[in-house]
Amino acid sequence: MGKPVLYHMPQSRGATTLWMNEELGQVCDIKLLNLKAGEQKQPDYLKLNPMGKVPALSHDGAVVTEAAAICAYLADAFPDAGLAPATTDPLRGVYYRWMFFAPSCIEPMMLDKLSKATRENSGATGHGTEESVLSALSLRLSTGHSF
């Protein structure tokens, strides 16, 4: 198995994947992209991620984009680190929920808050309301479970 290559740009969503790499003991080679110079729009990189975004991961023919997906992939690729329940463990569902809660609920809620967006029908959004997101987090954190 070859070493994963993590395409990264400091001060981006790639920071999460860089942290994951550190938790795994620096298993990835890091390739920094200079977004100001447009390196993410070069043909070679666009083959990995046609959206021209970072982060991206290349590993043994697999290409993974989106920070949460990269973290989940790396946890599975390096199971000895114990960062994810086994695929047969009932906790795997809870793990997936919280792995994807941040990008699908917390981030959109924060963007709404920062942009002062108002929603006529909060039920039509994937994340609901600020109150529902914070309530879900508070309830989970109060249980003391790791997943």
C-alpha atoms as a PDB file:
ATOM      1  CA  MET A   1       0.000   0.000   0.000  1.00  0.00           C
ATOM      2  CA  GLY A   2       1.413   3.383  -1.021  1.00  0.00           C
ATOM      3  CA  LYS A   3       1.471   6.483   1.095  1.00  0.00           C
ATOM      4  CA  PRO A   4      -1.571   8.759   0.718  1.00  0.00           C
ATOM      5  CA  VAL A   5      -1.000  12.217  -0.754  1.00  0.00           C
ATOM      6  CA  LEU A   6      -3.007  14.936   0.953  1.00  0.00           C
ATOM      7  CA  TYR A   7      -3.462  18.137  -1.064  1.00  0.00           C
ATOM      8  CA  HIS A   8      -3.735  20.985   1.377  1.00  0.00           C
ATOM      9  CA  MET A   9      -3.832  24.749   1.704  1.00  0.00           C
ATOM     10  CA  PRO A  10      -3.304  26.361   5.119  1.00  0.00           C
ATOM     11  CA  GLN A  11      -6.279  28.282   6.503  1.00  0.00           C
ATOM     12  CA  SER A  12      -8.786  26.203   4.592  1.00  0.00           C
ATOM     13  CA  ARG A  13     -11.153  23.332   5.324  1.00  0.00           C
ATOM     14  CA  GLY A  14      -8.104  21.184   4.722  1.00  0.00           C
ATOM     15  CA  ALA A  15      -7.069  21.919   8.313  1.00  0.00           C
ATOM     16  CA  THR A  16      -9.392  19.150   9.498  1.00  0.00           C
ATOM     17  CA  THR A  17      -7.678  16.596   7.272  1.00  0.00           C
ATOM     18  CA  LEU A  18      -4.255  17.817   8.338  1.00  0.00           C
ATOM     19  CA  TRP A  19      -5.295  17.268  11.954  1.00  0.00           C
ATOM     20  CA  MET A  20      -6.490  13.758  11.036  1.00  0.00           C
ATOM     21  CA  ASN A  21      -3.111  13.054   9.450  1.00  0.00           C
ATOM     22  CA  GLU A  22      -1.422  14.152  12.680  1.00  0.00           C
ATOM     23  CA  GLU A  23      -3.714  11.900  14.734  1.00  0.00           C
ATOM     24  CA  LEU A  24      -2.692   8.985  12.504  1.00  0.00           C
ATOM     25  CA  GLY A  25       1.016   9.670  12.999  1.00  0.00           C
ATOM     26  CA  GLN A  26       1.755  11.602   9.784  1.00  0.00           C
ATOM     27  CA  VAL A  27       0.751   8.819   7.371  1.00  0.00           C
ATOM     28  CA  CYS A  28       0.259  11.205   4.420  1.00  0.00           C
ATOM     29  CA  ASP A  29       2.637  13.074   2.198  1.00  0.00           C
ATOM     30  CA  ILE A  30       1.431  16.687   2.185  1.00  0.00           C
ATOM     31  CA  LYS A  31       1.308  18.604  -1.068  1.00  0.00           C
ATOM     32  CA  LEU A  32       0.685  22.283  -0.464  1.00  0.00           C
ATOM     33  CA  LEU A  33      -1.252  24.139  -3.117  1.00  0.00           C
ATOM     34  CA  ASN A  34      -0.887  27.861  -3.632  1.00  0.00           C
ATOM     35  CA  LEU A  35      -4.452  29.000  -4.225  1.00  0.00           C
ATOM     36  CA  LYS A  36      -3.384  32.595  -4.858  1.00  0.00           C
ATOM     37  CA  ALA A  37      -1.251  31.315  -7.749  1.00  0.00           C
ATOM     38  CA  GLY A  38      -4.179  29.226  -9.002  1.00  0.00           C
ATOM     39  CA  GLU A  39      -2.514  25.831  -8.531  1.00  0.00           C
ATOM     40  CA  GLN A  40      -5.902  24.304  -7.685  1.00  0.00           C
ATOM     41  CA  LYS A  41      -7.110  25.218 -11.184  1.00  0.00           C
ATOM     42  CA  GLN A  42      -4.258  23.492 -13.026  1.00  0.00           C
ATOM     43  CA  PRO A  43      -5.257  20.526 -15.242  1.00  0.00           C
ATOM     44  CA  ASP A  44      -3.400  17.939 -13.126  1.00  0.00           C
ATOM     45  CA  TYR A  45      -5.211  18.975  -9.957  1.00  0.00           C
ATOM     46  CA  LEU A  46      -8.574  19.317 -11.700  1.00  0.00           C
ATOM     47  CA  LYS A  47      -8.256  15.624 -12.622  1.00  0.00           C
ATOM     48  CA  LEU A  48      -8.350  14.928  -8.867  1.00  0.00           C
ATOM     49  CA  ASN A  49     -11.021  17.456  -7.975  1.00  0.00           C
ATOM     50  CA  PRO A  50     -12.867  19.047 -10.901  1.00  0.00           C
ATOM     51  CA  MET A  51     -14.204  21.702  -8.515  1.00  0.00           C
ATOM     52  CA  GLY A  52     -10.648  22.903  -7.864  1.00  0.00           C
ATOM     53  CA  LYS A  53     -11.140  22.823  -4.099  1.00  0.00           C
ATOM     54  CA  VAL A  54      -8.933  21.618  -1.287  1.00  0.00           C
ATOM     55  CA  PRO A  55      -8.570  19.278   0.431  1.00  0.00           C
ATOM     56  CA  ALA A  56      -8.192  16.214  -1.757  1.00  0.00           C
ATOM     57  CA  LEU A  57      -6.568  12.868  -1.098  1.00  0.00           C
ATOM     58  CA  SER A  58      -4.996  10.445  -3.536  1.00  0.00           C
ATOM     59  CA  HIS A  59      -4.180   6.932  -2.339  1.00  0.00           C
ATOM     60  CA  ASP A  60      -3.522   3.774  -4.329  1.00  0.00           C
ATOM     61  CA  GLY A  61      -5.783   4.861  -7.194  1.00  0.00           C
ATOM     62  CA  ALA A  62      -8.541   6.194  -4.944  1.00  0.00           C
ATOM     63  CA  VAL A  63      -9.324   9.899  -4.975  1.00  0.00           C
ATOM     64  CA  VAL A  64     -11.337  11.344  -2.103  1.00  0.00           C
ATOM     65  CA  THR A  65     -12.519  14.937  -1.760  1.00  0.00           C
ATOM     66  CA  GLU A  66     -14.426  16.736   1.002  1.00  0.00           C
ATOM     67  CA  ALA A  67     -12.851  16.956   4.443  1.00  0.00           C
ATOM     68  CA  ALA A  68     -15.236  14.616   6.300  1.00  0.00           C
ATOM     69  CA  ALA A  69     -15.008  11.971   3.569  1.00  0.00           C
ATOM     70  CA  ILE A  70     -11.201  12.166   3.656  1.00  0.00           C
ATOM     71  CA  CYS A  71     -11.186  11.742   7.436  1.00  0.00           C
ATOM     72  CA  ALA A  72     -13.526   8.736   7.221  1.00  0.00           C
ATOM     73  CA  TYR A  73     -11.403   7.206   4.461  1.00  0.00           C
ATOM     74  CA  LEU A  74      -8.183   7.658   6.420  1.00  0.00           C
ATOM     75  CA  ALA A  75      -9.723   6.196   9.588  1.00  0.00           C
ATOM     76  CA  ASP A  76     -10.674   3.098   7.591  1.00  0.00           C
ATOM     77  CA  ALA A  77      -7.355   2.916   5.723  1.00  0.00           C
ATOM     78  CA  PHE A  78      -5.435   2.924   9.017  1.00  0.00           C
ATOM     79  CA  PRO A  79      -7.678   0.959  11.414  1.00  0.00           C
ATOM     80  CA  ASP A  80      -4.893   0.242  13.918  1.00  0.00           C
ATOM     81  CA  ALA A  81      -5.166   3.866  15.072  1.00  0.00           C
ATOM     82  CA  GLY A  82      -8.627   3.090  16.462  1.00  0.00           C
ATOM     83  CA  LEU A  83     -10.214   6.311  15.207  1.00  0.00           C
ATOM     84  CA  ALA A  84     -13.370   4.646  13.886  1.00  0.00           C
ATOM     85  CA  PRO A  85     -15.531   1.761  15.044  1.00  0.00           C
ATOM     86  CA  ALA A  86     -15.296  -1.389  12.935  1.00  0.00           C
ATOM     87  CA  THR A  87     -17.804  -1.597  10.091  1.00  0.00           C
ATOM     88  CA  THR A  88     -19.545  -4.401  12.011  1.00  0.00           C
ATOM     89  CA  ASP A  89     -19.785  -2.393  15.258  1.00  0.00           C
ATOM     90  CA  PRO A  90     -23.258  -0.948  16.012  1.00  0.00           C
ATOM     91  CA  LEU A  91     -21.521   2.308  16.991  1.00  0.00           C
ATOM     92  CA  ARG A  92     -20.574   2.787  13.325  1.00  0.00           C
ATOM     93  CA  GLY A  93     -23.926   4.492  12.665  1.00  0.00           C
ATOM     94  CA  VAL A  94     -23.400   6.993  15.464  1.00  0.00           C
ATOM     95  CA  TYR A  95     -19.840   7.546  14.222  1.00  0.00           C
ATOM     96  CA  TYR A  96     -21.147   8.389  10.738  1.00  0.00           C
ATOM     97  CA  ARG A  97     -23.740  10.732  12.181  1.00  0.00           C
ATOM     98  CA  TRP A  98     -21.218  12.816  14.056  1.00  0.00           C
ATOM     99  CA  MET A  99     -18.571  12.595  11.320  1.00  0.00           C
ATOM    100  CA  PHE A 100     -20.957  14.292   8.913  1.00  0.00           C
ATOM    101  CA  PHE A 101     -22.882  16.474  11.382  1.00  0.00           C
ATOM    102  CA  ALA A 102     -20.302  19.257  11.246  1.00  0.00           C
ATOM    103  CA  PRO A 103     -20.304  19.833   7.474  1.00  0.00           C
ATOM    104  CA  SER A 104     -24.018  19.150   6.992  1.00  0.00           C
ATOM    105  CA  CYS A 105     -25.473  20.901  10.061  1.00  0.00           C
ATOM    106  CA  ILE A 106     -22.964  23.001  12.003  1.00  0.00           C
ATOM    107  CA  GLU A 107     -21.308  24.728   9.029  1.00  0.00           C
ATOM    108  CA  PRO A 108     -24.562  25.723   7.265  1.00  0.00           C
ATOM    109  CA  MET A 109     -26.030  26.915  10.564  1.00  0.00           C
ATOM    110  CA  MET A 110     -22.935  29.027  11.222  1.00  0.00           C
ATOM    111  CA  LEU A 111     -23.032  30.468   7.698  1.00  0.00           C
ATOM    112  CA  ASP A 112     -26.684  31.389   8.196  1.00  0.00           C
ATOM    113  CA  LYS A 113     -25.796  33.038  11.492  1.00  0.00           C
ATOM    114  CA  LEU A 114     -22.787  34.917  10.098  1.00  0.00           C
ATOM    115  CA  SER A 115     -24.680  36.130   7.037  1.00  0.00           C
ATOM    116  CA  LYS A 116     -27.753  36.915   9.142  1.00  0.00           C
ATOM    117  CA  ALA A 117     -29.838  34.790   6.774  1.00  0.00           C
ATOM    118  CA  THR A 118     -33.451  34.281   7.733  1.00  0.00           C
ATOM    119  CA  ARG A 119     -35.398  31.254   6.594  1.00  0.00           C
ATOM    120  CA  GLU A 120     -39.145  31.337   6.145  1.00  0.00           C
ATOM    121  CA  ASN A 121     -39.259  27.541   6.377  1.00  0.00           C
ATOM    122  CA  SER A 122     -36.347  26.205   8.436  1.00  0.00           C
ATOM    123  CA  GLY A 123     -37.699  22.690   7.911  1.00  0.00           C
ATOM    124  CA  ALA A 124     -36.757  22.985   4.245  1.00  0.00           C
ATOM    125  CA  THR A 125     -33.076  23.288   5.099  1.00  0.00           C
ATOM    126  CA  GLY A 126     -30.937  20.273   5.831  1.00  0.00           C
ATOM    127  CA  HIS A 127     -29.741  21.663   9.117  1.00  0.00           C
ATOM    128  CA  GLY A 128     -32.938  23.104  10.561  1.00  0.00           C
ATOM    129  CA  THR A 129     -32.453  25.944  13.011  1.00  0.00           C
ATOM    130  CA  GLU A 130     -29.575  27.163  15.141  1.00  0.00           C
ATOM    131  CA  GLU A 131     -31.501  26.012  18.197  1.00  0.00           C
ATOM    132  CA  SER A 132     -31.980  22.473  16.851  1.00  0.00           C
ATOM    133  CA  VAL A 133     -28.298  22.123  15.922  1.00  0.00           C
ATOM    134  CA  LEU A 134     -27.099  23.403  19.294  1.00  0.00           C
ATOM    135  CA  SER A 135     -29.638  21.276  21.137  1.00  0.00           C
ATOM    136  CA  ALA A 136     -28.450  18.114  19.348  1.00  0.00           C
ATOM    137  CA  LEU A 137     -24.848  18.939  20.235  1.00  0.00           C
ATOM    138  CA  SER A 138     -25.673  19.734  23.840  1.00  0.00           C
ATOM    139  CA  LEU A 139     -27.650  16.523  24.299  1.00  0.00           C
ATOM    140  CA  ARG A 140     -24.874  14.374  22.831  1.00  0.00           C
ATOM    141  CA  LEU A 141     -22.113  16.060  24.812  1.00  0.00           C
ATOM    142  CA  SER A 142     -24.059  15.640  28.044  1.00  0.00           C
ATOM    143  CA  THR A 143     -24.140  11.831  27.622  1.00  0.00           C
ATOM    144  CA  GLY A 144     -20.358  11.481  27.855  1.00  0.00           C
ATOM    145  CA  HIS A 145     -20.074   9.015  24.980  1.00  0.00           C
ATOM    146  CA  SER A 146     -17.073   9.122  22.646  1.00  0.00           C
ATOM    147  CA  PHE A 147     -19.249   8.530  19.544  1.00  0.00           C
END
